[in-house]
PDB file of N, CA and C in Angstrom:
ATOM      1  N   UNK A   1      -9.381  -4.103  26.573  1.00  0.00           N
ATOM      2  CA  UNK A   1      -9.173  -3.245  25.421  1.00  0.00           C
ATOM      3  C   UNK A   1      -7.736  -3.333  24.926  1.00  0.00           C
ATOM      4  N   UNK A   2      -6.769  -3.352  25.838  1.00  0.00           N
ATOM      5  CA  UNK A   2      -5.366  -3.429  25.430  1.00  0.00           C
ATOM      6  C   UNK A   2      -5.091  -4.738  24.704  1.00  0.00           C
ATOM      7  N   UNK A   3      -5.748  -5.805  25.142  1.00  0.00           N
ATOM      8  CA  UNK A   3      -5.559  -7.096  24.491  1.00  0.00           C
ATOM      9  C   UNK A   3      -6.061  -7.047  23.050  1.00  0.00           C
ATOM     10  N   UNK A   4      -7.224  -6.436  22.837  1.00  0.00           N
ATOM     11  CA  UNK A   4      -7.769  -6.324  21.485  1.00  0.00           C
ATOM     12  C   UNK A   4      -6.851  -5.481  20.609  1.00  0.00           C
ATOM     13  N   UNK A   5      -6.293  -4.434  21.163  1.00  0.00           N
ATOM     14  CA  UNK A   5      -5.380  -3.587  20.400  1.00  0.00           C
ATOM     15  C   UNK A   5      -4.115  -4.351  20.052  1.00  0.00           C
ATOM     16  N   UNK A   6      -3.585  -5.115  20.995  1.00  0.00           N
ATOM     17  CA  UNK A   6      -2.388  -5.905  20.738  1.00  0.00           C
ATOM     18  C   UNK A   6      -2.667  -6.967  19.681  1.00  0.00           C
ATOM     19  N   UNK A   7      -3.815  -7.629  19.779  1.00  0.00           N
ATOM     20  CA  UNK A   7      -4.177  -8.631  18.777  1.00  0.00           C
ATOM     21  C   UNK A   7      -4.379  -7.983  17.414  1.00  0.00           C
ATOM     22  N   UNK A   8      -4.989  -6.811  17.397  1.00  0.00           N
ATOM     23  CA  UNK A   8      -5.190  -6.101  16.139  1.00  0.00           C
ATOM     24  C   UNK A   8      -3.880  -5.702  15.504  1.00  0.00           C
ATOM     25  N   UNK A   9      -2.938  -5.264  16.327  1.00  0.00           N
ATOM     26  CA  UNK A   9      -1.622  -4.881  15.812  1.00  0.00           C
ATOM     27  C   UNK A   9      -0.901  -6.099  15.253  1.00  0.00           C
ATOM     28  N   UNK A  10      -0.939  -7.203  15.976  1.00  0.00           N
ATOM     29  CA  UNK A  10      -0.293  -8.430  15.500  1.00  0.00           C
ATOM     30  C   UNK A  10      -0.892  -8.883  14.172  1.00  0.00           C
ATOM     31  N   UNK A  11      -2.216  -8.851  14.078  1.00  0.00           N
ATOM     32  CA  UNK A  11      -2.886  -9.241  12.837  1.00  0.00           C
ATOM     33  C   UNK A  11      -2.491  -8.313  11.691  1.00  0.00           C
ATOM     34  N   UNK A  12      -2.478  -7.011  11.947  1.00  0.00           N
ATOM     35  CA  UNK A  12      -2.143  -6.034  10.906  1.00  0.00           C
ATOM     36  C   UNK A  12      -0.702  -6.193  10.443  1.00  0.00           C
ATOM     37  N   UNK A  13       0.210  -6.467  11.358  1.00  0.00           N
ATOM     38  CA  UNK A  13       1.611  -6.631  10.971  1.00  0.00           C
ATOM     39  C   UNK A  13       1.835  -7.947  10.221  1.00  0.00           C
ATOM     40  N   UNK A  14       1.074  -8.988  10.566  1.00  0.00           N
ATOM     41  CA  UNK A  14       1.148 -10.236   9.793  1.00  0.00           C
ATOM     42  C   UNK A  14       0.622 -10.014   8.377  1.00  0.00           C
ATOM     43  N   UNK A  15      -0.464  -9.253   8.263  1.00  0.00           N
ATOM     44  CA  UNK A  15      -1.014  -8.943   6.938  1.00  0.00           C
ATOM     45  C   UNK A  15      -0.021  -8.117   6.128  1.00  0.00           C
ATOM     46  N   UNK A  16       0.697  -7.214   6.785  1.00  0.00           N
ATOM     47  CA  UNK A  16       1.729  -6.423   6.109  1.00  0.00           C
ATOM     48  C   UNK A  16       2.828  -7.334   5.572  1.00  0.00           C
ATOM     49  N   UNK A  17       3.256  -8.293   6.371  1.00  0.00           N
ATOM     50  CA  UNK A  17       4.295  -9.231   5.930  1.00  0.00           C
ATOM     51  C   UNK A  17       3.810 -10.051   4.731  1.00  0.00           C
ATOM     52  N   UNK A  18       2.541 -10.453   4.751  1.00  0.00           N
ATOM     53  CA  UNK A  18       1.984 -11.199   3.618  1.00  0.00           C
ATOM     54  C   UNK A  18       1.933 -10.334   2.369  1.00  0.00           C
ATOM     55  N   UNK A  19       1.552  -9.056   2.502  1.00  0.00           N
ATOM     56  CA  UNK A  19       1.528  -8.154   1.341  1.00  0.00           C
ATOM     57  C   UNK A  19       2.927  -7.947   0.783  1.00  0.00           C
ATOM     58  N   UNK A  20       3.914  -7.857   1.652  1.00  0.00           N
ATOM     59  CA  UNK A  20       5.300  -7.696   1.184  1.00  0.00           C
ATOM     60  C   UNK A  20       5.752  -8.915   0.390  1.00  0.00           C
ATOM     61  N   UNK A  21       5.432 -10.109   0.874  1.00  0.00           N
ATOM     62  CA  UNK A  21       5.800 -11.332   0.159  1.00  0.00           C
ATOM     63  C   UNK A  21       5.085 -11.408  -1.186  1.00  0.00           C
ATOM     64  N   UNK A  22       3.794 -11.087  -1.192  1.00  0.00           N
ATOM     65  CA  UNK A  22       3.023 -11.134  -2.426  1.00  0.00           C
ATOM     66  C   UNK A  22       3.555 -10.130  -3.449  1.00  0.00           C
ATOM     67  N   UNK A  23       3.937  -8.952  -2.993  1.00  0.00           N
ATOM     68  CA  UNK A  23       4.351  -7.904  -3.927  1.00  0.00           C
ATOM     69  C   UNK A  23       5.716  -8.182  -4.551  1.00  0.00           C
ATOM     70  N   UNK A  24       6.482  -9.101  -3.977  1.00  0.00           N
ATOM     71  CA  UNK A  24       7.782  -9.436  -4.571  1.00  0.00           C
ATOM     72  C   UNK A  24       7.624 -10.075  -5.943  1.00  0.00           C
ATOM     73  N   UNK A  25       6.523 -10.774  -6.157  1.00  0.00           N
ATOM     74  CA  UNK A  25       6.336 -11.501  -7.408  1.00  0.00           C
ATOM     75  C   UNK A  25       5.240 -10.921  -8.290  1.00  0.00           C
ATOM     76  N   UNK A  26       4.574  -9.883  -7.863  1.00  0.00           N
ATOM     77  CA  UNK A  26       3.482  -9.346  -8.678  1.00  0.00           C
ATOM     78  C   UNK A  26       4.023  -8.607  -9.891  1.00  0.00           C
ATOM     79  N   UNK A  27       3.218  -8.560 -10.923  1.00  0.00           N
ATOM     80  CA  UNK A  27       3.615  -7.882 -12.156  1.00  0.00           C
ATOM     81  C   UNK A  27       3.480  -6.372 -11.969  1.00  0.00           C
ATOM     82  N   UNK A  28       4.531  -5.655 -12.257  1.00  0.00           N
ATOM     83  CA  UNK A  28       4.519  -4.195 -12.160  1.00  0.00           C
ATOM     84  C   UNK A  28       3.902  -3.609 -13.427  1.00  0.00           C
ATOM     85  N   UNK A  29       3.195  -2.508 -13.283  1.00  0.00           N
ATOM     86  CA  UNK A  29       2.542  -1.862 -14.412  1.00  0.00           C
ATOM     87  C   UNK A  29       3.356  -0.637 -14.807  1.00  0.00           C
ATOM     88  N   UNK A  30       3.705  -0.562 -16.079  1.00  0.00           N
ATOM     89  CA  UNK A  30       4.483   0.556 -16.610  1.00  0.00           C
ATOM     90  C   UNK A  30       3.517   1.656 -17.034  1.00  0.00           C
ATOM     91  N   UNK A  31       3.556   2.793 -16.342  1.00  0.00           N
ATOM     92  CA  UNK A  31       2.654   3.894 -16.656  1.00  0.00           C
ATOM     93  C   UNK A  31       2.897   4.454 -18.054  1.00  0.00           C
ATOM     94  N   UNK A  32       4.099   4.327 -18.570  1.00  0.00           N
ATOM     95  CA  UNK A  32       4.419   4.855 -19.883  1.00  0.00           C
ATOM     96  C   UNK A  32       3.783   4.087 -21.028  1.00  0.00           C
ATOM     97  N   UNK A  33       3.321   2.887 -20.772  1.00  0.00           N
ATOM     98  CA  UNK A  33       2.727   2.070 -21.830  1.00  0.00           C
ATOM     99  C   UNK A  33       1.217   2.250 -21.917  1.00  0.00           C
ATOM    100  N   UNK A  34       0.637   2.996 -20.996  1.00  0.00           N
ATOM    101  CA  UNK A  34      -0.810   3.185 -21.007  1.00  0.00           C
ATOM    102  C   UNK A  34      -1.237   4.267 -21.984  1.00  0.00           C
ATOM    103  N   UNK A  35      -2.533   4.392 -22.124  1.00  0.00           N
ATOM    104  CA  UNK A  35      -3.111   5.408 -22.994  1.00  0.00           C
ATOM    105  C   UNK A  35      -3.460   6.644 -22.180  1.00  0.00           C
ATOM    106  N   UNK A  36      -3.673   7.751 -22.875  1.00  0.00           N
ATOM    107  CA  UNK A  36      -4.088   8.983 -22.202  1.00  0.00           C
ATOM    108  C   UNK A  36      -5.408   8.726 -21.485  1.00  0.00           C
ATOM    109  N   UNK A  37      -5.477   9.151 -20.253  1.00  0.00           N
ATOM    110  CA  UNK A  37      -6.677   8.955 -19.456  1.00  0.00           C
ATOM    111  C   UNK A  37      -6.667   7.697 -18.616  1.00  0.00           C
ATOM    112  N   UNK A  38      -5.704   6.804 -18.840  1.00  0.00           N
ATOM    113  CA  UNK A  38      -5.607   5.596 -18.016  1.00  0.00           C
ATOM    114  C   UNK A  38      -5.192   5.968 -16.598  1.00  0.00           C
ATOM    115  N   UNK A  39      -5.632   5.218 -15.609  1.00  0.00           N
ATOM    116  CA  UNK A  39      -5.182   5.490 -14.242  1.00  0.00           C
ATOM    117  C   UNK A  39      -3.682   5.240 -14.105  1.00  0.00           C
ATOM    118  N   UNK A  40      -3.079   5.919 -13.156  1.00  0.00           N
ATOM    119  CA  UNK A  40      -1.649   5.774 -12.895  1.00  0.00           C
ATOM    120  C   UNK A  40      -1.463   4.755 -11.771  1.00  0.00           C
ATOM    121  N   UNK A  41      -0.383   3.988 -11.853  1.00  0.00           N
ATOM    122  CA  UNK A  41      -0.079   2.956 -10.866  1.00  0.00           C
ATOM    123  C   UNK A  41       1.256   3.279 -10.205  1.00  0.00           C
ATOM    124  N   UNK A  42       1.274   3.220  -8.880  1.00  0.00           N
ATOM    125  CA  UNK A  42       2.489   3.442  -8.110  1.00  0.00           C
ATOM    126  C   UNK A  42       2.641   2.318  -7.098  1.00  0.00           C
ATOM    127  N   UNK A  43       3.860   2.123  -6.626  1.00  0.00           N
ATOM    128  CA  UNK A  43       4.129   1.117  -5.603  1.00  0.00           C
ATOM    129  C   UNK A  43       4.141   1.769  -4.228  1.00  0.00           C
ATOM    130  N   UNK A  44       3.534   1.110  -3.261  1.00  0.00           N
ATOM    131  CA  UNK A  44       3.584   1.552  -1.871  1.00  0.00           C
ATOM    132  C   UNK A  44       5.022   1.397  -1.379  1.00  0.00           C
ATOM    133  N   UNK A  45       5.541   2.402  -0.680  1.00  0.00           N
ATOM    134  CA  UNK A  45       6.933   2.338  -0.231  1.00  0.00           C
ATOM    135  C   UNK A  45       7.115   1.386   0.944  1.00  0.00           C
ATOM    136  N   UNK A  46       6.034   0.991   1.591  1.00  0.00           N
ATOM    137  CA  UNK A  46       6.138   0.094   2.736  1.00  0.00           C
ATOM    138  C   UNK A  46       5.963  -1.367   2.346  1.00  0.00           C
ATOM    139  N   UNK A  47       4.886  -1.667   1.633  1.00  0.00           N
ATOM    140  CA  UNK A  47       4.600  -3.072   1.319  1.00  0.00           C
ATOM    141  C   UNK A  47       4.825  -3.417  -0.147  1.00  0.00           C
ATOM    142  N   UNK A  48       4.969  -2.426  -1.005  1.00  0.00           N
ATOM    143  CA  UNK A  48       5.163  -2.687  -2.424  1.00  0.00           C
ATOM    144  C   UNK A  48       3.878  -2.940  -3.179  1.00  0.00           C
ATOM    145  N   UNK A  49       2.749  -2.752  -2.517  1.00  0.00           N
ATOM    146  CA  UNK A  49       1.463  -2.974  -3.167  1.00  0.00           C
ATOM    147  C   UNK A  49       1.167  -1.929  -4.231  1.00  0.00           C
ATOM    148  N   UNK A  50       0.171  -2.205  -5.047  1.00  0.00           N
ATOM    149  CA  UNK A  50      -0.203  -1.324  -6.144  1.00  0.00           C
ATOM    150  C   UNK A  50      -1.145  -0.237  -5.643  1.00  0.00           C
ATOM    151  N   UNK A  51      -0.821   1.016  -5.941  1.00  0.00           N
ATOM    152  CA  UNK A  51      -1.682   2.151  -5.627  1.00  0.00           C
ATOM    153  C   UNK A  51      -2.163   2.699  -6.962  1.00  0.00           C
ATOM    154  N   UNK A  52      -3.466   2.782  -7.143  1.00  0.00           N
ATOM    155  CA  UNK A  52      -4.040   3.264  -8.396  1.00  0.00           C
ATOM    156  C   UNK A  52      -4.706   4.607  -8.141  1.00  0.00           C
ATOM    157  N   UNK A  53      -4.315   5.610  -8.932  1.00  0.00           N
ATOM    158  CA  UNK A  53      -4.899   6.947  -8.828  1.00  0.00           C
ATOM    159  C   UNK A  53      -5.299   7.410 -10.228  1.00  0.00           C
ATOM    160  N   UNK A  54      -6.240   8.359 -10.329  1.00  0.00           N
ATOM    161  CA  UNK A  54      -6.601   8.879 -11.645  1.00  0.00           C
ATOM    162  C   UNK A  54      -5.414   9.589 -12.295  1.00  0.00           C
ATOM    163  N   UNK A  55      -5.469   9.725 -13.608  1.00  0.00           N
ATOM    164  CA  UNK A  55      -4.365  10.350 -14.329  1.00  0.00           C
ATOM    165  C   UNK A  55      -4.128  11.787 -13.868  1.00  0.00           C
ATOM    166  N   UNK A  56      -5.155  12.470 -13.428  1.00  0.00           N
ATOM    167  CA  UNK A  56      -5.023  13.872 -13.036  1.00  0.00           C
ATOM    168  C   UNK A  56      -4.743  14.040 -11.538  1.00  0.00           C
ATOM    169  N   UNK A  57      -4.031  13.086 -10.938  1.00  0.00           N
ATOM    170  CA  UNK A  57      -3.704  13.172  -9.517  1.00  0.00           C
ATOM    171  C   UNK A  57      -2.840  14.411  -9.253  1.00  0.00           C
ATOM    172  N   UNK A  58      -2.879  14.921  -8.049  1.00  0.00           N
ATOM    173  CA  UNK A  58      -2.095  16.101  -7.684  1.00  0.00           C
ATOM    174  C   UNK A  58      -0.803  15.680  -6.990  1.00  0.00           C
ATOM    175  N   UNK A  59      -0.917  14.922  -5.924  1.00  0.00           N
ATOM    176  CA  UNK A  59       0.254  14.457  -5.176  1.00  0.00           C
ATOM    177  C   UNK A  59       0.400  12.951  -5.341  1.00  0.00           C
ATOM    178  N   UNK A  60       1.621  12.516  -5.616  1.00  0.00           N
ATOM    179  CA  UNK A  60       1.888  11.083  -5.760  1.00  0.00           C
ATOM    180  C   UNK A  60       1.732  10.409  -4.402  1.00  0.00           C
ATOM    181  N   UNK A  61       0.863   9.402  -4.293  1.00  0.00           N
ATOM    182  CA  UNK A  61       0.720   8.704  -3.014  1.00  0.00           C
ATOM    183  C   UNK A  61       1.939   7.833  -2.735  1.00  0.00           C
ATOM    184  N   UNK A  62       2.347   7.777  -1.484  1.00  0.00           N
ATOM    185  CA  UNK A  62       3.496   6.958  -1.105  1.00  0.00           C
ATOM    186  C   UNK A  62       3.068   5.677  -0.394  1.00  0.00           C
ATOM    187  N   UNK A  63       1.910   5.720   0.271  1.00  0.00           N
ATOM    188  CA  UNK A  63       1.423   4.567   1.029  1.00  0.00           C
ATOM    189  C   UNK A  63       0.055   4.131   0.518  1.00  0.00           C
ATOM    190  N   UNK A  64      -0.171   2.822   0.510  1.00  0.00           N
ATOM    191  CA  UNK A  64      -1.496   2.301   0.173  1.00  0.00           C
ATOM    192  C   UNK A  64      -2.435   2.546   1.362  1.00  0.00           C
ATOM    193  N   UNK A  65      -3.718   2.236   1.174  1.00  0.00           N
ATOM    194  CA  UNK A  65      -4.689   2.484   2.248  1.00  0.00           C
ATOM    195  C   UNK A  65      -4.359   1.699   3.510  1.00  0.00           C
ATOM    196  N   UNK A  66      -3.968   0.440   3.340  1.00  0.00           N
ATOM    197  CA  UNK A  66      -3.679  -0.396   4.501  1.00  0.00           C
ATOM    198  C   UNK A  66      -2.478   0.136   5.277  1.00  0.00           C
ATOM    199  N   UNK A  67      -1.425   0.530   4.568  1.00  0.00           N
ATOM    200  CA  UNK A  67      -0.228   1.044   5.237  1.00  0.00           C
ATOM    201  C   UNK A  67      -0.474   2.424   5.832  1.00  0.00           C
ATOM    202  N   UNK A  68      -1.343   3.223   5.200  1.00  0.00           N
ATOM    203  CA  UNK A  68      -1.709   4.520   5.770  1.00  0.00           C
ATOM    204  C   UNK A  68      -2.402   4.319   7.111  1.00  0.00           C
ATOM    205  N   UNK A  69      -3.281   3.318   7.190  1.00  0.00           N
ATOM    206  CA  UNK A  69      -3.963   3.028   8.454  1.00  0.00           C
ATOM    207  C   UNK A  69      -2.963   2.587   9.518  1.00  0.00           C
ATOM    208  N   UNK A  70      -1.974   1.772   9.134  1.00  0.00           N
ATOM    209  CA  UNK A  70      -0.944   1.348  10.091  1.00  0.00           C
ATOM    210  C   UNK A  70      -0.129   2.546  10.574  1.00  0.00           C
ATOM    211  N   UNK A  71       0.198   3.450   9.666  1.00  0.00           N
ATOM    212  CA  UNK A  71       0.972   4.634  10.043  1.00  0.00           C
ATOM    213  C   UNK A  71       0.164   5.525  10.978  1.00  0.00           C
ATOM    214  N   UNK A  72      -1.118   5.717  10.664  1.00  0.00           N
ATOM    215  CA  UNK A  72      -1.976   6.549  11.509  1.00  0.00           C
ATOM    216  C   UNK A  72      -2.130   5.963  12.907  1.00  0.00           C
ATOM    217  N   UNK A  73      -2.091   4.639  13.008  1.00  0.00           N
ATOM    218  CA  UNK A  73      -2.190   3.979  14.316  1.00  0.00           C
ATOM    219  C   UNK A  73      -0.862   3.994  15.063  1.00  0.00           C
ATOM    220  N   UNK A  74       0.213   4.410  14.375  1.00  0.00           N
ATOM    221  CA  UNK A  74       1.524   4.444  15.014  1.00  0.00           C
ATOM    222  C   UNK A  74       2.219   3.099  15.026  1.00  0.00           C
ATOM    223  N   UNK A  75       1.802   2.190  14.142  1.00  0.00           N
ATOM    224  CA  UNK A  75       2.364   0.844  14.133  1.00  0.00           C
ATOM    225  C   UNK A  75       3.459   0.665  13.097  1.00  0.00           C
ATOM    226  N   UNK A  76       3.744   1.687  12.310  1.00  0.00           N
ATOM    227  CA  UNK A  76       4.854   1.646  11.358  1.00  0.00           C
ATOM    228  C   UNK A  76       5.972   2.522  11.878  1.00  0.00           C
ATOM    229  N   UNK A  77       7.193   2.049  11.746  1.00  0.00           N
ATOM    230  CA  UNK A  77       8.326   2.870  12.151  1.00  0.00           C
ATOM    231  C   UNK A  77       8.880   3.558  10.943  1.00  0.00           C
TER     232      UNK A  77
END
């Protein structure tokens, strides 16, 4: 079991590094240029990935789903 967890952590951290590299060159979306009712786009503070939420969101998300899972597992510092 520990081996599977270690392999899973290694895989997840490699995927995080790939998302960080990809997000360096991705096109950012300006929320101010959208129309009323368009979804809002935010950047993940860990990997820089795109987080899309409805316009009527309550709390601004800071982490994408993948990074939230890493944080919940205790693999993000």
